[in-house]
C-alpha cells in the first residue's frame, strides 16, 4: 500500500523516523517520503544518510496548524511521531508539553481531515495507560483525540489509529545509551531495584506501525506482545563490575509500566501478535470486529503490566541486545 504513495512522518528525525524511513526505502517505492520536524540541524544530519530522490524535508512544528495543512497537501499516509517525551521536562514545563502533545495532535487531525489524507497512525506510549505523570496524561489525551477523530470524518475515506508500546531498545534518551555512558564512571544509577520496563526493538516498532497502516479499521489502540526486563538486569548486562547506586524515583516515574489496564479489558481483543483496545461506543461493535478479524476477547479484568508479564529478558538476552547496539 506504500508504493506510489506520499507518506509524511511528523517528528521524522527521531529514532523511530529514521528507522521507518530506512524500512520504507528498502522495501517500497513511495512517490514521496516527507520528514516534517522543527529542527533544521537534525534534518541536515538525516539528509546525509537518507537522500533518495523521493525524500523531502519540511521545517515545521505541529503547533502550527497553517504549516501543517500546507505540508499535508497531496499526502496519502501520515505517521505521527512528534512529541515532547521526557518525563522530568514535562513535569517542569507542563503547558509546553500540552501544546505539543495535545494541541498539536488536534492540529494534525484537523489538517488530515481537510487535505484528503487516507491513513493516520499515531505513536503512543505505555505511560498513557493509567498515567501518573504529565507526559502520560498528554499522550492519553492525544490517544483519545485520534480515536474520536473517526467519529467526525463524515464521508471521508480516512482511518485514524494508535499504536502503544514500551521502551525502544537503544533509542535516544533510553536507558541503555545512558548506562553505556555512565559505566565510564564505574557507577550505574538505579531509581528503584524492583523496577521493570517493557522492551521493543526499533524494527518491531516500525513493523507494528506498518501493520496498523495496512490492517487497522480505525479507532484501535494497538499494543504489541513484548518482553519485560528488570532494570537491575540491564545494569548487569552493561557492566557487572559497576556499582549500582539506588537514587530513588524521579518525579512522575512508575516502578512498573502498564499498557492495558483492567478497566480497558472489556474493550480489548487478542489479535495474536498484538492486542487491540477497541473504541467504546464507536462505529463498529466488538462482536463484528472479532467475527471479521478472528480476534478473541480477553478475560474480564485482564491487564498488561511489565511487572506481571509472562515473558522476561534474561541478563544474557539483554547482553546480546546491548552488544547489537554497539
C-alpha atoms as a PDB file:
ATOM      1  CA  UNK A   1       0.000   0.000   0.000  1.00  0.00           C
ATOM      2  CA  UNK A   2       3.052   2.289   0.162  1.00  0.00           C
ATOM      3  CA  UNK A   3       4.133   2.088  -3.476  1.00  0.00           C
ATOM      4  CA  UNK A   4       3.487   5.343  -5.377  1.00  0.00           C
ATOM      5  CA  UNK A   5       2.030   6.917  -2.221  1.00  0.00           C
ATOM      6  CA  UNK A   6       3.075  10.100  -0.453  1.00  0.00           C
ATOM      7  CA  UNK A   7       3.939   9.490   3.202  1.00  0.00           C
ATOM      8  CA  UNK A   8       4.591  12.153   5.837  1.00  0.00           C
ATOM      9  CA  UNK A   9       6.238  11.471   9.210  1.00  0.00           C
ATOM     10  CA  UNK A  10       5.931  14.102  11.933  1.00  0.00           C
ATOM     11  CA  UNK A  11       8.939  14.201  14.211  1.00  0.00           C
ATOM     12  CA  UNK A  12      10.653  12.231  11.487  1.00  0.00           C
ATOM     13  CA  UNK A  13      14.249  12.959  12.536  1.00  0.00           C
ATOM     14  CA  UNK A  14      13.917  10.904  15.732  1.00  0.00           C
ATOM     15  CA  UNK A  15      14.989   7.300  16.238  1.00  0.00           C
ATOM     16  CA  UNK A  16      11.658   5.941  15.003  1.00  0.00           C
ATOM     17  CA  UNK A  17      11.503   8.248  11.987  1.00  0.00           C
ATOM     18  CA  UNK A  18      14.966   7.282  10.800  1.00  0.00           C
ATOM     19  CA  UNK A  19      14.277   3.558  11.073  1.00  0.00           C
ATOM     20  CA  UNK A  20      10.847   3.921   9.461  1.00  0.00           C
ATOM     21  CA  UNK A  21      12.491   5.807   6.592  1.00  0.00           C
ATOM     22  CA  UNK A  22      15.116   3.074   6.195  1.00  0.00           C
ATOM     23  CA  UNK A  23      12.437   0.349   6.127  1.00  0.00           C
ATOM     24  CA  UNK A  24      10.219   2.149   3.615  1.00  0.00           C
ATOM     25  CA  UNK A  25      13.093   2.958   1.253  1.00  0.00           C
ATOM     26  CA  UNK A  26      14.398  -0.621   1.359  1.00  0.00           C
ATOM     27  CA  UNK A  27      11.045  -2.336   0.801  1.00  0.00           C
ATOM     28  CA  UNK A  28       8.745   0.014  -1.108  1.00  0.00           C
ATOM     29  CA  UNK A  29       8.713   2.644  -3.836  1.00  0.00           C
ATOM     30  CA  UNK A  30       6.912   5.644  -2.374  1.00  0.00           C
ATOM     31  CA  UNK A  31       6.095   8.621  -4.543  1.00  0.00           C
ATOM     32  CA  UNK A  32       7.320  10.932  -1.782  1.00  0.00           C
ATOM     33  CA  UNK A  33       8.519  10.429   1.773  1.00  0.00           C
ATOM     34  CA  UNK A  34       8.268  13.669   3.732  1.00  0.00           C
ATOM     35  CA  UNK A  35      10.119  14.305   7.003  1.00  0.00           C
ATOM     36  CA  UNK A  36       8.289  17.017   8.942  1.00  0.00           C
ATOM     37  CA  UNK A  37      10.059  18.411  12.015  1.00  0.00           C
ATOM     38  CA  UNK A  38      11.187  21.664  13.588  1.00  0.00           C
ATOM     39  CA  UNK A  39      14.947  21.073  13.949  1.00  0.00           C
ATOM     40  CA  UNK A  40      16.962  22.089  10.900  1.00  0.00           C
ATOM     41  CA  UNK A  41      20.208  20.601  12.249  1.00  0.00           C
ATOM     42  CA  UNK A  42      18.656  17.168  12.754  1.00  0.00           C
ATOM     43  CA  UNK A  43      17.179  17.371   9.263  1.00  0.00           C
ATOM     44  CA  UNK A  44      20.562  18.305   7.808  1.00  0.00           C
ATOM     45  CA  UNK A  45      22.200  15.375   9.620  1.00  0.00           C
ATOM     46  CA  UNK A  46      19.489  12.948   8.483  1.00  0.00           C
ATOM     47  CA  UNK A  47      19.848  14.132   4.880  1.00  0.00           C
ATOM     48  CA  UNK A  48      23.449  12.947   4.870  1.00  0.00           C
ATOM     49  CA  UNK A  49      22.164   9.392   5.340  1.00  0.00           C
ATOM     50  CA  UNK A  50      18.744   9.452   3.651  1.00  0.00           C
ATOM     51  CA  UNK A  51      18.661  11.498   0.461  1.00  0.00           C
ATOM     52  CA  UNK A  52      16.728   9.331  -2.021  1.00  0.00           C
ATOM     53  CA  UNK A  53      15.011  11.242  -4.855  1.00  0.00           C
ATOM     54  CA  UNK A  54      11.622  10.694  -3.208  1.00  0.00           C
ATOM     55  CA  UNK A  55      12.728  12.306   0.081  1.00  0.00           C
ATOM     56  CA  UNK A  56      11.504  15.729   1.163  1.00  0.00           C
ATOM     57  CA  UNK A  57      12.443  17.606   4.331  1.00  0.00           C
ATOM     58  CA  UNK A  58       9.937  20.158   5.626  1.00  0.00           C
ATOM     59  CA  UNK A  59      10.681  22.513   8.515  1.00  0.00           C
ATOM     60  CA  UNK A  60       7.555  22.896  10.626  1.00  0.00           C
ATOM     61  CA  UNK A  61       6.003  22.483  14.051  1.00  0.00           C
ATOM     62  CA  UNK A  62       2.804  20.562  14.753  1.00  0.00           C
ATOM     63  CA  UNK A  63       1.769  23.540  16.866  1.00  0.00           C
ATOM     64  CA  UNK A  64       1.455  25.489  13.581  1.00  0.00           C
ATOM     65  CA  UNK A  65      -1.840  24.440  12.009  1.00  0.00           C
ATOM     66  CA  UNK A  66      -1.375  26.500   8.828  1.00  0.00           C
ATOM     67  CA  UNK A  67       2.025  24.976   8.113  1.00  0.00           C
ATOM     68  CA  UNK A  68       0.637  21.503   8.754  1.00  0.00           C
ATOM     69  CA  UNK A  69      -2.174  21.985   6.233  1.00  0.00           C
ATOM     70  CA  UNK A  70       0.245  23.169   3.585  1.00  0.00           C
ATOM     71  CA  UNK A  71       2.643  20.275   4.265  1.00  0.00           C
ATOM     72  CA  UNK A  72      -0.180  17.696   4.051  1.00  0.00           C
ATOM     73  CA  UNK A  73      -1.388  18.710   0.588  1.00  0.00           C
ATOM     74  CA  UNK A  74      -1.233  15.595  -1.594  1.00  0.00           C
ATOM     75  CA  UNK A  75      -0.249  13.312   1.303  1.00  0.00           C
ATOM     76  CA  UNK A  76      -1.867   9.859   1.489  1.00  0.00           C
ATOM     77  CA  UNK A  77      -0.412   8.434   4.728  1.00  0.00           C
ATOM     78  CA  UNK A  78       0.654  10.129   7.978  1.00  0.00           C
ATOM     79  CA  UNK A  79       2.708   8.634  10.800  1.00  0.00           C
ATOM     80  CA  UNK A  80       2.615  10.883  13.845  1.00  0.00           C
ATOM     81  CA  UNK A  81       5.802  10.511  15.900  1.00  0.00           C
ATOM     82  CA  UNK A  82       6.301  14.116  17.031  1.00  0.00           C
ATOM     83  CA  UNK A  83       6.023  14.663  20.787  1.00  0.00           C
ATOM     84  CA  UNK A  84       7.712  16.082  23.845  1.00  0.00           C
ATOM     85  CA  UNK A  85       8.647  12.856  25.635  1.00  0.00           C
ATOM     86  CA  UNK A  86      10.934  13.495  28.601  1.00  0.00           C
ATOM     87  CA  UNK A  87       9.023  12.892  31.849  1.00  0.00           C
ATOM     88  CA  UNK A  88      11.005  15.291  34.090  1.00  0.00           C
ATOM     89  CA  UNK A  89      10.930  18.060  31.463  1.00  0.00           C
ATOM     90  CA  UNK A  90       7.164  17.661  31.090  1.00  0.00           C
ATOM     91  CA  UNK A  91       6.695  17.874  34.872  1.00  0.00           C
ATOM     92  CA  UNK A  92       8.701  21.116  34.950  1.00  0.00           C
ATOM     93  CA  UNK A  93       7.205  22.623  31.758  1.00  0.00           C
ATOM     94  CA  UNK A  94       3.678  21.182  31.712  1.00  0.00           C
ATOM     95  CA  UNK A  95       1.928  23.518  29.299  1.00  0.00           C
ATOM     96  CA  UNK A  96       4.705  23.278  26.718  1.00  0.00           C
ATOM     97  CA  UNK A  97       4.111  19.514  26.719  1.00  0.00           C
ATOM     98  CA  UNK A  98       0.347  20.067  26.416  1.00  0.00           C
ATOM     99  CA  UNK A  99       0.790  22.466  23.478  1.00  0.00           C
ATOM    100  CA  UNK A 100       2.780  19.893  21.511  1.00  0.00           C
ATOM    101  CA  UNK A 101       1.237  16.591  22.562  1.00  0.00           C
ATOM    102  CA  UNK A 102      -2.432  17.602  22.839  1.00  0.00           C
ATOM    103  CA  UNK A 103      -2.992  20.774  20.822  1.00  0.00           C
ATOM    104  CA  UNK A 104      -0.509  19.587  18.203  1.00  0.00           C
ATOM    105  CA  UNK A 105      -2.391  16.284  17.884  1.00  0.00           C
ATOM    106  CA  UNK A 106      -5.667  18.112  17.297  1.00  0.00           C
ATOM    107  CA  UNK A 107      -3.983  20.374  14.728  1.00  0.00           C
ATOM    108  CA  UNK A 108      -2.794  17.290  12.864  1.00  0.00           C
ATOM    109  CA  UNK A 109      -6.215  15.628  12.978  1.00  0.00           C
ATOM    110  CA  UNK A 110      -7.946  18.699  11.575  1.00  0.00           C
ATOM    111  CA  UNK A 111      -5.296  19.152   8.887  1.00  0.00           C
ATOM    112  CA  UNK A 112      -5.641  15.497   7.820  1.00  0.00           C
ATOM    113  CA  UNK A 113      -9.429  15.870   7.592  1.00  0.00           C
ATOM    114  CA  UNK A 114      -9.011  18.969   5.447  1.00  0.00           C
ATOM    115  CA  UNK A 115      -6.436  17.580   2.996  1.00  0.00           C
ATOM    116  CA  UNK A 116      -7.743  14.165   1.886  1.00  0.00           C
ATOM    117  CA  UNK A 117      -5.245  12.053   3.849  1.00  0.00           C
ATOM    118  CA  UNK A 118      -6.282   8.367   3.850  1.00  0.00           C
ATOM    119  CA  UNK A 119      -4.480   6.691   6.767  1.00  0.00           C
ATOM    120  CA  UNK A 120      -3.129   8.061  10.033  1.00  0.00           C
ATOM    121  CA  UNK A 121      -1.276   6.163  12.755  1.00  0.00           C
ATOM    122  CA  UNK A 122      -0.190   7.982  15.905  1.00  0.00           C
ATOM    123  CA  UNK A 123       2.556   6.687  18.187  1.00  0.00           C
ATOM    124  CA  UNK A 124       1.628   6.465  21.848  1.00  0.00           C
ATOM    125  CA  UNK A 125       3.416   5.201  24.963  1.00  0.00           C
ATOM    126  CA  UNK A 126       2.869   2.787  27.821  1.00  0.00           C
ATOM    127  CA  UNK A 127       2.803   5.886  30.052  1.00  0.00           C
ATOM    128  CA  UNK A 128      -0.617   6.764  28.587  1.00  0.00           C
ATOM    129  CA  UNK A 129      -2.200   3.797  30.424  1.00  0.00           C
ATOM    130  CA  UNK A 130      -3.263   4.862  33.942  1.00  0.00           C
ATOM    131  CA  UNK A 131      -0.961   7.890  33.715  1.00  0.00           C
ATOM    132  CA  UNK A 132       0.681   9.325  36.815  1.00  0.00           C
ATOM    133  CA  UNK A 133       2.815  11.925  35.054  1.00  0.00           C
ATOM    134  CA  UNK A 134       2.057  14.876  32.791  1.00  0.00           C
ATOM    135  CA  UNK A 135       3.643  13.271  29.733  1.00  0.00           C
ATOM    136  CA  UNK A 136       1.471  10.166  30.089  1.00  0.00           C
ATOM    137  CA  UNK A 137      -1.630  12.289  30.624  1.00  0.00           C
ATOM    138  CA  UNK A 138      -0.972  14.294  27.465  1.00  0.00           C
ATOM    139  CA  UNK A 139      -0.463  11.120  25.443  1.00  0.00           C
ATOM    140  CA  UNK A 140      -3.704   9.657  26.807  1.00  0.00           C
ATOM    141  CA  UNK A 141      -5.445  12.853  25.670  1.00  0.00           C
ATOM    142  CA  UNK A 142      -3.761  12.509  22.290  1.00  0.00           C
ATOM    143  CA  UNK A 143      -4.851   8.857  22.009  1.00  0.00           C
ATOM    144  CA  UNK A 144      -8.449   9.849  22.774  1.00  0.00           C
ATOM    145  CA  UNK A 145      -8.346  12.585  20.138  1.00  0.00           C
ATOM    146  CA  UNK A 146      -7.117  10.222  17.412  1.00  0.00           C
ATOM    147  CA  UNK A 147      -9.648   7.531  18.350  1.00  0.00           C
ATOM    148  CA  UNK A 148     -12.529  10.042  18.396  1.00  0.00           C
ATOM    149  CA  UNK A 149     -11.415  11.563  15.076  1.00  0.00           C
ATOM    150  CA  UNK A 150     -13.033   8.569  13.377  1.00  0.00           C
ATOM    151  CA  UNK A 151     -16.405   9.841  14.635  1.00  0.00           C
ATOM    152  CA  UNK A 152     -16.120  13.158  12.784  1.00  0.00           C
ATOM    153  CA  UNK A 153     -14.632  12.032   9.466  1.00  0.00           C
ATOM    154  CA  UNK A 154     -18.028  12.051   7.720  1.00  0.00           C
ATOM    155  CA  UNK A 155     -17.847  10.547   4.216  1.00  0.00           C
ATOM    156  CA  UNK A 156     -14.060  10.878   4.010  1.00  0.00           C
ATOM    157  CA  UNK A 157     -12.047   7.719   3.307  1.00  0.00           C
ATOM    158  CA  UNK A 158      -9.721   8.148   6.287  1.00  0.00           C
ATOM    159  CA  UNK A 159      -8.812   5.997   9.277  1.00  0.00           C
ATOM    160  CA  UNK A 160      -7.126   7.129  12.492  1.00  0.00           C
ATOM    161  CA  UNK A 161      -5.457   4.549  14.744  1.00  0.00           C
ATOM    162  CA  UNK A 162      -2.917   4.466  17.570  1.00  0.00           C
ATOM    163  CA  UNK A 163      -0.006   2.173  18.396  1.00  0.00           C
ATOM    164  CA  UNK A 164       1.137   1.979  22.023  1.00  0.00           C
ATOM    165  CA  UNK A 165       4.386   0.337  23.058  1.00  0.00           C
ATOM    166  CA  UNK A 166       7.123   0.407  25.681  1.00  0.00           C
ATOM    167  CA  UNK A 167      10.730   1.476  25.783  1.00  0.00           C
ATOM    168  CA  UNK A 168      12.519   1.226  22.452  1.00  0.00           C
ATOM    169  CA  UNK A 169      15.836  -0.588  22.791  1.00  0.00           C
ATOM    170  CA  UNK A 170      18.708   1.823  22.186  1.00  0.00           C
ATOM    171  CA  UNK A 171      16.605   4.833  21.179  1.00  0.00           C
ATOM    172  CA  UNK A 172      17.706   8.362  22.068  1.00  0.00           C
ATOM    173  CA  UNK A 173      17.145   9.048  25.765  1.00  0.00           C
ATOM    174  CA  UNK A 174      16.565   5.385  26.673  1.00  0.00           C
ATOM    175  CA  UNK A 175      18.316   3.563  29.498  1.00  0.00           C
ATOM    176  CA  UNK A 176      20.898   1.584  27.502  1.00  0.00           C
ATOM    177  CA  UNK A 177      22.710   4.566  25.916  1.00  0.00           C
ATOM    178  CA  UNK A 178      22.513   6.284  29.320  1.00  0.00           C
ATOM    179  CA  UNK A 179      24.062   3.314  31.139  1.00  0.00           C
ATOM    180  CA  UNK A 180      26.720   2.865  28.438  1.00  0.00           C
ATOM    181  CA  UNK A 181      27.849   6.418  29.071  1.00  0.00           C
ATOM    182  CA  UNK A 182      27.600   6.162  32.861  1.00  0.00           C
ATOM    183  CA  UNK A 183      29.637   2.949  33.099  1.00  0.00           C
ATOM    184  CA  UNK A 184      32.743   5.047  32.425  1.00  0.00           C
ATOM    185  CA  UNK A 185      32.306   6.343  35.986  1.00  0.00           C
ATOM    186  CA  UNK A 186      32.033   2.855  37.483  1.00  0.00           C
ATOM    187  CA  UNK A 187      28.592   3.653  38.899  1.00  0.00           C
ATOM    188  CA  UNK A 188      25.154   2.997  37.374  1.00  0.00           C
ATOM    189  CA  UNK A 189      22.293   4.962  38.975  1.00  0.00           C
ATOM    190  CA  UNK A 190      19.203   2.822  39.689  1.00  0.00           C
ATOM    191  CA  UNK A 191      15.981   4.594  40.596  1.00  0.00           C
ATOM    192  CA  UNK A 192      14.394   1.509  42.211  1.00  0.00           C
ATOM    193  CA  UNK A 193      15.808  -2.046  42.343  1.00  0.00           C
ATOM    194  CA  UNK A 194      12.364  -3.597  41.716  1.00  0.00           C
ATOM    195  CA  UNK A 195      11.715  -1.522  38.590  1.00  0.00           C
ATOM    196  CA  UNK A 196      10.653  -3.264  35.360  1.00  0.00           C
ATOM    197  CA  UNK A 197      10.065  -1.993  31.854  1.00  0.00           C
ATOM    198  CA  UNK A 198       8.657  -3.305  28.597  1.00  0.00           C
ATOM    199  CA  UNK A 199      11.122  -3.621  25.724  1.00  0.00           C
ATOM    200  CA  UNK A 200      10.705  -3.394  21.963  1.00  0.00           C
ATOM    201  CA  UNK A 201      13.229  -3.021  19.158  1.00  0.00           C
ATOM    202  CA  UNK A 202      13.055  -0.175  16.661  1.00  0.00           C
ATOM    203  CA  UNK A 203      12.298  -2.627  13.872  1.00  0.00           C
ATOM    204  CA  UNK A 204       9.438  -4.179  15.838  1.00  0.00           C
ATOM    205  CA  UNK A 205       8.003  -0.713  16.407  1.00  0.00           C
ATOM    206  CA  UNK A 206       8.263   0.146  12.717  1.00  0.00           C
ATOM    207  CA  UNK A 207       6.742  -3.201  11.690  1.00  0.00           C
ATOM    208  CA  UNK A 208       3.820  -2.586  14.029  1.00  0.00           C
ATOM    209  CA  UNK A 209       3.114   0.833  12.500  1.00  0.00           C
ATOM    210  CA  UNK A 210       3.230  -0.659   9.008  1.00  0.00           C
ATOM    211  CA  UNK A 211       0.841  -3.422  10.116  1.00  0.00           C
ATOM    212  CA  UNK A 212      -1.516  -0.834  11.593  1.00  0.00           C
ATOM    213  CA  UNK A 213      -1.496   1.233   8.402  1.00  0.00           C
ATOM    214  CA  UNK A 214      -2.365  -1.861   6.387  1.00  0.00           C
ATOM    215  CA  UNK A 215      -4.891  -3.560   8.694  1.00  0.00           C
ATOM    216  CA  UNK A 216      -6.374  -1.187  11.294  1.00  0.00           C
ATOM    217  CA  UNK A 217     -10.070  -0.434  10.957  1.00  0.00           C
ATOM    218  CA  UNK A 218      -9.704   2.955  12.608  1.00  0.00           C
ATOM    219  CA  UNK A 219     -10.138   3.710  16.303  1.00  0.00           C
ATOM    220  CA  UNK A 220      -7.998   0.882  17.702  1.00  0.00           C
ATOM    221  CA  UNK A 221      -5.209   1.393  20.205  1.00  0.00           C
ATOM    222  CA  UNK A 222      -2.855  -1.428  19.197  1.00  0.00           C
ATOM    223  CA  UNK A 223      -0.477  -2.929  21.770  1.00  0.00           C
ATOM    224  CA  UNK A 224       2.328  -5.415  20.977  1.00  0.00           C
ATOM    225  CA  UNK A 225       3.103  -8.566  22.931  1.00  0.00           C
ATOM    226  CA  UNK A 226       6.670  -7.841  24.029  1.00  0.00           C
ATOM    227  CA  UNK A 227       9.015  -8.940  26.840  1.00  0.00           C
ATOM    228  CA  UNK A 228       9.889  -7.078  30.019  1.00  0.00           C
ATOM    229  CA  UNK A 229      13.185  -6.609  31.801  1.00  0.00           C
ATOM    230  CA  UNK A 230      14.382  -5.803  35.313  1.00  0.00           C
ATOM    231  CA  UNK A 231      16.345  -2.553  35.401  1.00  0.00           C
ATOM    232  CA  UNK A 232      18.983  -4.210  37.588  1.00  0.00           C
ATOM    233  CA  UNK A 233      19.468  -6.896  34.923  1.00  0.00           C
ATOM    234  CA  UNK A 234      20.135  -4.174  32.337  1.00  0.00           C
ATOM    235  CA  UNK A 235      22.822  -2.783  34.621  1.00  0.00           C
ATOM    236  CA  UNK A 236      24.404  -6.245  34.971  1.00  0.00           C
ATOM    237  CA  UNK A 237      24.284  -6.723  31.197  1.00  0.00           C
ATOM    238  CA  UNK A 238      26.005  -3.370  30.631  1.00  0.00           C
ATOM    239  CA  UNK A 239      28.777  -3.968  33.178  1.00  0.00           C
ATOM    240  CA  UNK A 240      28.559  -6.434  36.077  1.00  0.00           C
ATOM    241  CA  UNK A 241      31.523  -4.732  37.753  1.00  0.00           C
ATOM    242  CA  UNK A 242      29.801  -1.355  38.060  1.00  0.00           C
ATOM    243  CA  UNK A 243      28.348  -0.366  41.417  1.00  0.00           C
ATOM    244  CA  UNK A 244      24.574   0.096  41.387  1.00  0.00           C
ATOM    245  CA  UNK A 245      23.555   3.185  43.358  1.00  0.00           C
ATOM    246  CA  UNK A 246      19.880   3.490  44.327  1.00  0.00           C
ATOM    247  CA  UNK A 247      18.876   7.119  43.758  1.00  0.00           C
ATOM    248  CA  UNK A 248      15.070   6.985  44.128  1.00  0.00           C
ATOM    249  CA  UNK A 249      12.220   7.546  41.680  1.00  0.00           C
ATOM    250  CA  UNK A 250      12.215  10.642  39.519  1.00  0.00           C
ATOM    251  CA  UNK A 251       9.122  12.894  39.511  1.00  0.00           C
ATOM    252  CA  UNK A 252       6.269  11.121  37.700  1.00  0.00           C
ATOM    253  CA  UNK A 253       8.132   7.814  37.300  1.00  0.00           C
ATOM    254  CA  UNK A 254       6.442   4.404  37.695  1.00  0.00           C
ATOM    255  CA  UNK A 255       8.036   1.260  39.142  1.00  0.00           C
ATOM    256  CA  UNK A 256       6.170  -0.939  36.639  1.00  0.00           C
ATOM    257  CA  UNK A 257       4.668   0.097  33.346  1.00  0.00           C
ATOM    258  CA  UNK A 258       1.208  -0.784  32.113  1.00  0.00           C
ATOM    259  CA  UNK A 259      -0.106  -0.794  28.553  1.00  0.00           C
ATOM    260  CA  UNK A 260      -3.596  -2.206  29.102  1.00  0.00           C
ATOM    261  CA  UNK A 261      -5.497  -1.520  32.318  1.00  0.00           C
ATOM    262  CA  UNK A 262      -8.107  -3.813  33.845  1.00  0.00           C
ATOM    263  CA  UNK A 263     -10.707  -1.180  33.005  1.00  0.00           C
ATOM    264  CA  UNK A 264      -9.737  -1.479  29.321  1.00  0.00           C
ATOM    265  CA  UNK A 265     -10.264  -5.255  29.313  1.00  0.00           C
ATOM    266  CA  UNK A 266     -13.960  -5.059  28.386  1.00  0.00           C
ATOM    267  CA  UNK A 267     -12.971  -3.492  25.039  1.00  0.00           C
ATOM    268  CA  UNK A 268      -9.731  -5.393  24.446  1.00  0.00           C
ATOM    269  CA  UNK A 269      -9.196  -8.234  21.978  1.00  0.00           C
ATOM    270  CA  UNK A 270      -6.283 -10.543  21.234  1.00  0.00           C
ATOM    271  CA  UNK A 271      -5.155 -10.446  17.593  1.00  0.00           C
ATOM    272  CA  UNK A 272      -2.334 -12.957  18.069  1.00  0.00           C
ATOM    273  CA  UNK A 273       0.765 -10.795  17.725  1.00  0.00           C
ATOM    274  CA  UNK A 274      -0.982  -7.713  19.092  1.00  0.00           C
ATOM    275  CA  UNK A 275      -3.766  -6.669  21.427  1.00  0.00           C
ATOM    276  CA  UNK A 276      -6.286  -4.050  20.327  1.00  0.00           C
ATOM    277  CA  UNK A 277      -8.229  -1.767  22.638  1.00  0.00           C
ATOM    278  CA  UNK A 278     -11.350  -1.001  20.624  1.00  0.00           C
ATOM    279  CA  UNK A 279     -13.265   2.274  20.835  1.00  0.00           C
ATOM    280  CA  UNK A 280     -16.143   2.141  23.296  1.00  0.00           C
ATOM    281  CA  UNK A 281     -19.382   3.040  21.554  1.00  0.00           C
ATOM    282  CA  UNK A 282     -17.579   3.515  18.254  1.00  0.00           C
ATOM    283  CA  UNK A 283     -18.735   2.990  14.694  1.00  0.00           C
ATOM    284  CA  UNK A 284     -18.319  -0.806  14.874  1.00  0.00           C
ATOM    285  CA  UNK A 285     -19.013  -3.410  17.530  1.00  0.00           C
ATOM    286  CA  UNK A 286     -16.699  -5.723  19.436  1.00  0.00           C
ATOM    287  CA  UNK A 287     -18.584  -8.722  18.052  1.00  0.00           C
ATOM    288  CA  UNK A 288     -18.279  -7.523  14.450  1.00  0.00           C
ATOM    289  CA  UNK A 289     -14.561  -6.847  14.846  1.00  0.00           C
ATOM    290  CA  UNK A 290     -13.915 -10.321  16.276  1.00  0.00           C
ATOM    291  CA  UNK A 291     -16.037 -12.023  13.612  1.00  0.00           C
ATOM    292  CA  UNK A 292     -14.195 -10.356  10.728  1.00  0.00           C
ATOM    293  CA  UNK A 293     -10.631 -10.414  12.100  1.00  0.00           C
ATOM    294  CA  UNK A 294     -10.629 -13.683  14.058  1.00  0.00           C
ATOM    295  CA  UNK A 295      -9.697 -11.791  17.233  1.00  0.00           C
ATOM    296  CA  UNK A 296     -10.558 -13.224  20.645  1.00  0.00           C
ATOM    297  CA  UNK A 297     -11.834 -11.225  23.594  1.00  0.00           C
ATOM    298  CA  UNK A 298      -9.589 -11.180  26.668  1.00  0.00           C
ATOM    299  CA  UNK A 299     -10.600 -12.312  30.153  1.00  0.00           C
ATOM    300  CA  UNK A 300     -12.520  -9.627  32.091  1.00  0.00           C
ATOM    301  CA  UNK A 301     -10.102  -7.837  34.410  1.00  0.00           C
ATOM    302  CA  UNK A 302      -7.110  -8.625  32.180  1.00  0.00           C
ATOM    303  CA  UNK A 303      -4.267  -6.127  32.401  1.00  0.00           C
ATOM    304  CA  UNK A 304      -0.897  -5.955  30.683  1.00  0.00           C
ATOM    305  CA  UNK A 305       1.844  -4.877  33.085  1.00  0.00           C
ATOM    306  CA  UNK A 306       5.641  -5.014  32.801  1.00  0.00           C
ATOM    307  CA  UNK A 307       5.933  -6.403  36.334  1.00  0.00           C
ATOM    308  CA  UNK A 308       3.466  -9.270  35.861  1.00  0.00           C
ATOM    309  CA  UNK A 309       4.372 -10.002  32.240  1.00  0.00           C
ATOM    310  CA  UNK A 310       4.847 -13.697  31.429  1.00  0.00           C
ATOM    311  CA  UNK A 311       7.973 -13.060  29.334  1.00  0.00           C
ATOM    312  CA  UNK A 312      11.170 -11.529  30.772  1.00  0.00           C
ATOM    313  CA  UNK A 313      14.546 -10.968  29.149  1.00  0.00           C
ATOM    314  CA  UNK A 314      17.474 -12.578  30.995  1.00  0.00           C
ATOM    315  CA  UNK A 315      20.802 -10.899  31.635  1.00  0.00           C
ATOM    316  CA  UNK A 316      22.280 -12.914  28.745  1.00  0.00           C
ATOM    317  CA  UNK A 317      19.416 -11.833  26.473  1.00  0.00           C
ATOM    318  CA  UNK A 318      19.994  -8.214  27.413  1.00  0.00           C
ATOM    319  CA  UNK A 319      23.765  -8.503  26.992  1.00  0.00           C
ATOM    320  CA  UNK A 320      23.260  -9.783  23.433  1.00  0.00           C
ATOM    321  CA  UNK A 321      20.892  -6.915  22.676  1.00  0.00           C
ATOM    322  CA  UNK A 322      23.324  -4.399  24.121  1.00  0.00           C
ATOM    323  CA  UNK A 323      26.146  -5.799  22.001  1.00  0.00           C
ATOM    324  CA  UNK A 324      23.968  -5.397  18.923  1.00  0.00           C
ATOM    325  CA  UNK A 325      23.614  -1.682  19.744  1.00  0.00           C
ATOM    326  CA  UNK A 326      27.382  -1.084  19.885  1.00  0.00           C
END
